[in-house]
Amino acid sequence: SENHFFPEASSIVRLMQSSRGSFRREAFALVGKLCQFARSVVLSDHAGDTSPESQNDNMLPLGTLIPSVLSAERDPTIFASLMEMILTYIAVFQGNGNDPWKYLDPSLFTKSLSKTVRRACYGAPAIGWGPTILPIVASLPILDVATEPNHDATEREERMKGTEVRPLPLLAVESLWDGHKSAVGVTDTAAIVSAVIECVTFLMLRRPKENHPQFSLDCWRKCGQLLLESLVYFFMEAPDSGYGPAAASLDGLCTTLSRDILKLDTASCDEGIGDRGVSNIANWLWGEEGLQSALFR
């Protein structure tokens, strides 16, 4: 007899696409738990085979669903459970030694993610979804994709930026940085900027290997520029918040900045650093055109 679970996959899909936010939120939370404790629902016995005949009819088609539900979501109360579900889905493949991007189109997913974080998840508290961004970015393959127009940018910013090619991880982090301008308050802004710092530090310190090749020099400089812009935000743009949650979030941002700048500085002085990203831009990053220029604008 065939194995069935209750509710069936088709029922969960309908809940994930429901017009009622409460249904979607609970469906995303449920699917996250299924990824953890009922892996056969999302991971077939033929994990390396993406052909239709290898897929169980009652498996959740998350590889197809995730980009569309992420791009369509607008309810700020839902993003914490949605992003946690996505991260858990990616982790269940990696935990089994499989590649999640054989099921989930990385370019399509990154474009959906970028659209969402560029709008700061539509006002969702960043403390709920911000911590999921680094492990998601870390898992993305380094494929190049053309940037899309940012309708929240000024005409001058778009004209200067133009259409460029970016590796998927960097495209996601750039969009996250754009999202700090859409955040609803200091607490969310600081959390988003902290996530940007953690991501670019990770990318610049990651050792290159077959599935994580080098960025171009221009892309490494963009990583460094995002770090410097984060520094400028903290010292020159962040308001004096006094006490309360906003002050605590800025303290957390300060801790992240000081910790990660120390990591990068230490790595820059290490002769055995090899081909890691920070070694490609160390002279620029710590020199007059980099850190010194940012601090003394």
Protein backbone atom coordinates (compact mmCIF):
# COMPACT_ATOMS: atom_id res chain seq x y z
CA SER A 1 0.00 0.00 0.00
CA GLU A 2 1.09 3.56 -0.59
CA ASN A 3 2.31 5.64 2.33
CA HIS A 4 0.27 8.73 3.04
CA PHE A 5 0.55 11.34 5.71
CA PHE A 6 -2.12 13.68 6.95
CA PRO A 7 -2.67 16.28 5.74
CA GLU A 8 -1.71 15.45 2.17
CA ALA A 9 0.85 17.53 0.30
CA SER A 10 -1.80 19.13 -1.89
CA SER A 11 -3.64 20.35 1.22
CA ILE A 12 -0.47 21.95 2.61
CA VAL A 13 0.23 23.62 -0.72
CA ARG A 14 -3.23 25.17 -0.67
CA LEU A 15 -2.59 26.47 2.85
CA MET A 16 0.76 27.94 1.80
CA GLN A 17 -1.03 29.82 -0.98
CA SER A 18 -4.09 30.77 1.05
CA SER A 19 -5.37 34.33 1.04
CA ARG A 20 -5.53 34.19 4.85
CA GLY A 21 -2.28 35.16 6.50
CA SER A 22 -2.86 33.05 9.59
CA PHE A 23 -3.20 29.94 7.40
CA ARG A 24 0.01 30.71 5.51
CA ARG A 25 1.94 31.38 8.72
CA GLU A 26 0.91 28.07 10.27
CA ALA A 27 1.57 26.22 7.00
CA PHE A 28 5.13 27.58 6.80
CA ALA A 29 5.74 26.61 10.42
CA LEU A 30 4.36 23.12 9.75
CA VAL A 31 6.52 22.62 6.66
CA GLY A 32 9.58 23.73 8.61
CA LYS A 33 8.84 21.00 11.17
CA LEU A 34 8.26 18.45 8.39
CA CYS A 35 11.68 19.31 6.97
CA GLN A 36 13.20 18.56 10.36
CA PHE A 37 11.25 15.51 11.44
CA ALA A 38 9.64 14.03 8.30
CA ARG A 39 12.37 14.44 5.71
CA SER A 40 10.87 11.94 3.29
CA VAL A 41 8.13 14.47 2.63
CA VAL A 42 10.62 16.87 1.02
CA LEU A 43 13.59 14.62 0.21
CA SER A 44 13.02 11.63 -2.05
CA ASP A 45 15.01 8.41 -2.07
CA HIS A 46 16.45 9.64 -5.35
CA ALA A 47 17.83 12.92 -3.98
CA GLY A 48 20.28 13.39 -6.80
CA ASP A 49 17.69 12.70 -9.49
CA THR A 50 15.41 15.58 -10.45
CA SER A 51 13.46 13.71 -13.10
CA PRO A 52 9.67 13.65 -12.64
CA GLU A 53 9.55 9.87 -12.28
CA SER A 54 11.85 10.04 -9.24
CA GLN A 55 9.42 12.23 -7.29
CA ASN A 56 6.75 10.85 -4.99
CA ASP A 57 3.32 12.25 -5.84
CA ASN A 58 2.80 13.11 -2.17
CA MET A 59 6.06 15.01 -1.76
CA LEU A 60 5.84 18.76 -1.23
CA PRO A 61 7.13 20.54 -4.36
CA LEU A 62 9.04 23.09 -2.29
CA GLY A 63 11.65 23.74 -4.95
CA THR A 64 8.91 25.20 -7.14
CA LEU A 65 6.88 26.78 -4.36
CA ILE A 66 9.55 28.65 -2.41
CA PRO A 67 10.43 31.37 -4.98
CA SER A 68 6.76 32.08 -5.72
CA VAL A 69 5.52 32.25 -2.11
CA LEU A 70 8.54 34.34 -1.09
CA SER A 71 8.01 36.79 -3.92
CA ALA A 72 4.26 37.03 -3.27
CA GLU A 73 4.34 37.42 0.52
CA ARG A 74 3.56 40.85 1.98
CA ASP A 75 2.35 40.12 5.52
CA PRO A 76 5.07 41.23 8.00
CA THR A 77 3.82 38.77 10.64
CA ILE A 78 4.71 35.81 8.42
CA PHE A 79 8.31 36.35 7.35
CA ALA A 80 9.97 34.87 10.43
CA SER A 81 8.30 31.48 9.88
CA LEU A 82 8.70 31.68 6.08
CA MET A 83 12.44 32.39 6.22
CA GLU A 84 12.94 29.73 8.88
CA MET A 85 11.14 27.23 6.65
CA ILE A 86 13.40 28.10 3.70
CA LEU A 87 16.54 27.76 5.79
CA THR A 88 15.40 24.42 7.18
CA TYR A 89 14.60 23.17 3.68
CA ILE A 90 18.11 24.05 2.48
CA ALA A 91 19.66 22.52 5.58
CA VAL A 92 17.85 19.18 5.19
CA PHE A 93 19.52 18.67 1.81
CA GLN A 94 22.95 19.72 2.99
CA GLY A 95 22.60 17.51 6.06
CA ASN A 96 22.09 14.55 3.76
CA GLY A 97 25.06 15.46 1.58
CA ASN A 98 22.83 16.63 -1.27
CA ASP A 99 22.59 19.83 -3.27
CA PRO A 100 19.37 21.78 -2.62
CA TRP A 101 19.93 23.80 -5.78
CA LYS A 102 19.18 20.79 -7.95
CA TYR A 103 15.57 21.19 -6.86
CA LEU A 104 15.44 24.93 -6.17
CA ASP A 105 16.47 27.24 -9.02
CA PRO A 106 19.17 29.41 -7.36
CA SER A 107 18.79 32.38 -9.72
CA LEU A 108 15.01 32.47 -9.39
CA PHE A 109 15.23 32.06 -5.62
CA THR A 110 17.87 34.80 -5.23
CA LYS A 111 15.79 37.23 -7.27
CA SER A 112 12.78 36.54 -5.04
CA LEU A 113 14.91 36.86 -1.90
CA SER A 114 16.48 40.08 -3.16
CA LYS A 115 13.11 41.61 -3.93
CA THR A 116 11.90 40.77 -0.44
CA VAL A 117 14.90 41.92 1.61
CA ARG A 118 15.21 45.09 -0.49
CA ARG A 119 11.88 46.02 1.08
CA ALA A 120 13.03 44.92 4.55
CA CYS A 121 10.46 42.10 4.45
CA TYR A 122 7.68 44.68 4.33
CA GLY A 123 8.15 45.85 7.89
CA ALA A 124 8.63 42.46 9.54
CA PRO A 125 10.84 42.74 12.67
CA ALA A 126 14.36 42.08 11.42
CA ILE A 127 15.29 40.31 14.63
CA GLY A 128 13.00 37.49 13.44
CA TRP A 129 14.33 37.00 9.90
CA GLY A 130 17.75 38.69 9.91
CA PRO A 131 19.67 35.75 11.44
CA THR A 132 18.52 33.45 8.61
CA ILE A 133 20.21 35.52 5.88
CA LEU A 134 23.84 34.55 6.54
CA PRO A 135 23.34 30.76 6.33
CA ILE A 136 21.16 31.20 3.24
CA VAL A 137 23.77 33.41 1.55
CA ALA A 138 26.51 30.96 2.57
CA SER A 139 24.67 28.14 0.81
CA LEU A 140 24.11 29.96 -2.50
CA PRO A 141 26.21 28.84 -5.46
CA ILE A 142 28.40 31.52 -7.01
CA LEU A 143 26.55 31.94 -10.28
CA ASP A 144 26.47 35.28 -12.03
CA VAL A 145 23.16 37.00 -12.68
CA ALA A 146 22.29 40.40 -14.12
CA THR A 147 21.04 42.91 -11.59
CA GLU A 148 17.51 44.20 -11.98
CA PRO A 149 16.35 47.81 -11.62
CA ASN A 150 15.79 48.90 -8.04
CA HIS A 151 12.55 50.87 -8.12
CA ASP A 152 13.26 52.22 -4.63
CA ALA A 153 16.52 53.85 -5.77
CA THR A 154 16.79 57.40 -7.05
CA GLU A 155 17.18 58.00 -10.78
CA ARG A 156 20.81 59.05 -10.26
CA GLU A 157 21.61 55.89 -8.27
CA GLU A 158 20.11 53.67 -10.98
CA ARG A 159 21.91 55.56 -13.76
CA MET A 160 25.26 55.18 -11.99
CA LYS A 161 24.67 51.52 -11.23
CA GLY A 162 23.22 50.44 -14.56
CA THR A 163 22.80 46.78 -15.39
CA GLU A 164 25.61 44.77 -13.88
CA VAL A 165 26.46 41.14 -13.36
CA ARG A 166 26.73 39.94 -9.77
CA PRO A 167 27.36 36.55 -8.15
CA LEU A 168 24.18 35.36 -6.44
CA PRO A 169 25.49 35.73 -2.84
CA LEU A 170 26.61 39.30 -3.48
CA LEU A 171 23.34 40.19 -5.22
CA ALA A 172 21.44 39.04 -2.14
CA VAL A 173 23.67 41.02 0.24
CA GLU A 174 23.48 44.19 -1.87
CA SER A 175 19.70 43.93 -1.79
CA LEU A 176 19.81 43.42 1.95
CA TRP A 177 21.84 46.62 2.26
CA ASP A 178 19.24 48.46 0.18
CA GLY A 179 16.67 47.13 2.64
CA HIS A 180 18.12 49.09 5.54
CA LYS A 181 16.67 52.20 3.91
CA SER A 182 13.19 50.65 4.03
CA ALA A 183 13.34 49.54 7.68
CA VAL A 184 10.68 50.99 9.94
CA GLY A 185 12.94 52.02 12.83
CA VAL A 186 16.42 52.07 14.32
CA THR A 187 16.07 48.58 15.82
CA ASP A 188 15.31 46.98 12.45
CA THR A 189 17.85 49.09 10.59
CA ALA A 190 20.64 48.10 12.97
CA ALA A 191 19.69 44.43 12.72
CA ILE A 192 19.77 44.57 8.91
CA VAL A 193 23.12 46.38 8.82
CA SER A 194 24.51 43.81 11.27
CA ALA A 195 23.38 41.02 8.93
CA VAL A 196 25.09 42.77 6.00
CA ILE A 197 28.36 42.98 7.94
CA GLU A 198 28.21 39.31 8.90
CA CYS A 199 27.54 38.29 5.30
CA VAL A 200 30.33 40.29 3.66
CA THR A 201 32.79 39.26 6.36
CA PHE A 202 31.92 35.62 5.79
CA LEU A 203 32.29 35.97 2.01
CA MET A 204 35.67 37.74 2.29
CA LEU A 205 37.04 35.15 4.72
CA ARG A 206 35.69 32.02 3.04
CA ARG A 207 38.37 29.87 1.44
CA PRO A 208 37.77 29.28 -2.27
CA LYS A 209 36.96 25.77 -3.39
CA GLU A 210 35.26 24.10 -6.29
CA ASN A 211 31.72 25.10 -5.36
CA HIS A 212 32.75 28.50 -3.96
CA PRO A 213 35.17 29.99 -6.54
CA GLN A 214 36.58 33.47 -6.38
CA PHE A 215 34.65 36.65 -7.05
CA SER A 216 36.07 39.18 -9.48
CA LEU A 217 38.14 42.01 -8.03
CA ASP A 218 35.24 44.42 -8.58
CA CYS A 219 32.94 42.16 -6.58
CA TRP A 220 35.43 41.86 -3.74
CA ARG A 221 35.63 45.64 -3.67
CA LYS A 222 31.86 45.79 -3.52
CA CYS A 223 31.97 43.53 -0.45
CA GLY A 224 34.50 45.87 1.12
CA GLN A 225 32.41 48.88 0.19
CA LEU A 226 29.37 47.40 1.92
CA LEU A 227 31.45 46.96 5.06
CA LEU A 228 32.61 50.57 4.87
CA GLU A 229 29.09 51.86 4.24
CA SER A 230 27.94 49.96 7.32
CA LEU A 231 30.69 51.67 9.29
CA VAL A 232 29.58 55.06 7.97
CA TYR A 233 25.97 54.31 8.96
CA PHE A 234 26.99 53.51 12.53
CA PHE A 235 29.21 56.54 13.04
CA MET A 236 27.43 59.19 10.99
CA GLU A 237 23.84 58.23 10.28
CA ALA A 238 22.52 56.21 13.21
CA PRO A 239 20.58 58.44 15.64
CA ASP A 240 21.45 58.85 19.29
CA SER A 241 18.87 56.52 20.79
CA GLY A 242 19.61 56.94 24.47
CA TYR A 243 18.08 53.93 26.18
CA GLY A 244 15.74 51.11 25.28
CA PRO A 245 15.56 48.58 22.44
CA ALA A 246 17.00 50.97 19.84
CA ALA A 247 20.07 51.63 21.97
CA ALA A 248 20.52 47.92 22.57
CA SER A 249 20.33 47.21 18.83
CA LEU A 250 22.98 49.84 18.11
CA ASP A 251 25.17 48.32 20.82
CA GLY A 252 24.77 45.00 19.05
CA LEU A 253 25.73 46.61 15.74
CA CYS A 254 28.83 48.10 17.38
CA THR A 255 29.80 44.66 18.68
CA THR A 256 29.34 43.10 15.23
CA LEU A 257 31.38 45.83 13.54
CA SER A 258 34.29 45.67 15.97
CA ARG A 259 34.36 41.85 15.96
CA ASP A 260 34.26 41.47 12.19
CA ILE A 261 36.70 44.30 11.41
CA LEU A 262 39.12 42.61 13.81
CA LYS A 263 38.63 39.29 12.00
CA LEU A 264 39.33 40.89 8.64
CA ASP A 265 42.32 42.83 9.91
CA THR A 266 43.81 39.71 11.49
CA ALA A 267 43.27 37.75 8.28
CA SER A 268 44.86 40.53 6.22
CA CYS A 269 48.04 40.22 8.27
CA ASP A 270 48.18 36.43 7.89
CA GLU A 271 50.70 35.40 5.24
CA GLY A 272 48.92 32.08 4.88
CA ILE A 273 45.60 33.68 3.98
CA GLY A 274 45.88 32.38 0.42
CA ASP A 275 43.22 33.44 -2.06
CA ARG A 276 40.52 34.51 0.34
CA GLY A 277 38.68 37.64 -0.72
CA VAL A 278 40.10 40.06 1.81
CA SER A 279 43.62 39.33 0.54
CA ASN A 280 42.63 40.70 -2.86
CA ILE A 281 41.57 44.08 -1.52
CA ALA A 282 43.56 44.47 1.72
CA ASN A 283 45.65 47.41 0.50
CA TRP A 284 42.59 49.22 -0.77
CA LEU A 285 40.33 48.32 2.17
CA TRP A 286 42.68 49.57 4.89
CA GLY A 287 44.22 52.39 2.82
CA GLU A 288 43.34 55.97 1.98
CA GLU A 289 40.65 55.05 -0.54
CA GLY A 290 38.98 52.58 1.80
CA LEU A 291 38.71 52.76 5.58
CA GLN A 292 40.45 56.10 5.95
CA SER A 293 38.21 57.73 3.35
CA ALA A 294 35.08 56.32 5.00
CA LEU A 295 36.06 57.52 8.47
CA PHE A 296 37.03 61.04 7.43
CA ARG A 297 34.29 61.98 5.00
